[in-house]
Amino acid sequence: MRLLCLLLAVSILLPLGAEEPAKKKKKAADKAAASSKPAKKKRVPKPPRATPEQRVEASHFVQEHAGDTMDLGVQNPAALIPFFERLHRAQEPGASEAIRVLQFGDSHTASDDWPAAIRGPLQAKFGEGGPGFVQTGHPFEGFRRYDAKGSQSHGWHSAGLLSREGDGLYGISGVRLSTAQAGATLTLDADGSSVELFYWKQAGGGAVSIEDNGAPLGTIETEGEAGPGFWRKPVAAGPHHFVLRTESDAPVTVFGWTVEKDHGITWETLGLNGAQADLLLLWNDALLEAQIARRDPALIVLAYGTNEARRSDWTMETYRDMLRQVLKRLRTAAPLASVLVIGAPDQSMRSGIRWATVDGVDRILTAQREAAIAEGCAFWNLRMAMGGKGSMKQWVTAGLAQGDFVHLTGAGYRLWGESLSQLLIQNYGVYQTVRRQVFGNTENGPSLKTH
């Protein structure tokens, strides 16, 4: 793989600042005020020191097992046939079909490093379809998309995220933005030939105007019977700077934009830091299903398990049964989409002065595989692709994972992404070969209708 030759050059040192000195005890009133402020972002610990020889050895370990990814493959690859067939049809002469992929997950997904590394090679092969769905504004700390850029003015408030209480009206990404302030704005810079707004219709809802590159594009009235709202408009192909502006002090709630082209593939990032798979069961059924159906995905990817593996209250059986419910729910929203469940990666926890492998990954992986196979989904064992149980230590030593022994560096996520994208492309090639054998050597063969 192209990235493997860079492993020896990757530094394992993270640019961490010094800890602030301890401050004097404050008065009770000051403490109460401080407790209402958002918690400071936790610093990532420095990786353990490693000699050059240890780095080389760890790099060789990662290289060896990354090379095994193709041999390990995807379990139940037949579940990917609907996805591959839509890819095939989209490549036919004169075809005009956007192929959309939704990746749900935790912090590994939320940063967009990993999804972007998958997105790039697939778009290079099948066409760049634009960013697809993008959350409005900057809904949480650490949110980003490499293929789009958004912002928000003062006056917007986030709801959802990891909340296990509330109305569950958080939409496809698990977060919404709301305001009741005139003149509040949201912007999005993205490349495509159509734009769509996902919003919430409500009694007394306010109007919003949309501008495109400084010119008026339309006005949306969000007042109406409570339910999901969609506003779509074709635009000239190319880069765009969209601005949404509220027109009054009436309430407005939005979930995200979609910007895409009429061909190519999108790989849409729907991750939340700290998320677990059961969170999807707490979101409003009708809203989530309506928004997923609106995207009409060819492939849905579920990449959870990191946070669940550290919880002792999940047994293999309870997690498997919960995940089957999640998969059934996704099937209801997108019955013709392929679904790929990605098994939890390896991780370690500090135990005294040592780092111990998190044994909970074992039961989560077993549950994920059983649920995926039972529900007719494909399954990819990410931990096995990393090198198996305990492999995170080698990834940290090689400079491909951070000092928390959970998250990767940019180079590590690129390696994950490259592995999965190449695996999908390889499996698509196998599908193409079998398809030609079944239908003969005609240029395109008959179309296997998926919808």
Foldseek 3Di string as FASTA:
>chain_A
DVLLVCLLVFDLFDPDDDDDDDDDDDDPVVVVVVVPDDDDDDDFDRADDDDSVLLVVLSVLQVVLLVCLLVVFWPLCVLLVLLLLVLLQLPDPPHFAEAEEEEEEAPLQQLQLQLVLQQVVQCVPWNFWKAFKDWWAQQDPNGDHPQKDKHWDPFKHKDFFPDLDDDQAQAQQRMKIKGLAFFIKMKMKIFAFKKKWKWWAEAQAFKKWKDKPRHTDDIDGSHDHTDIDMDMDTHDGTIIMMMIGTHHSTMIMTTTMTGTYRTGYHYYGRYGHLDALLSVVSHDLRRHLVRLLVSLHQEYEYEYDLNVLPDPVDALVNLLVSVLVSLVSSCVSHVLHAYEYEQYAWFWADDPPDTHTRPSSVSRRNSSVVSQVVSSHMYRHNNSSCPHYPSLSSCSSSNQQHNRRHGGDSSVSSSSSVSVSVSVVVVSVVVVVVQCVVQPPDPSGDRDDSD
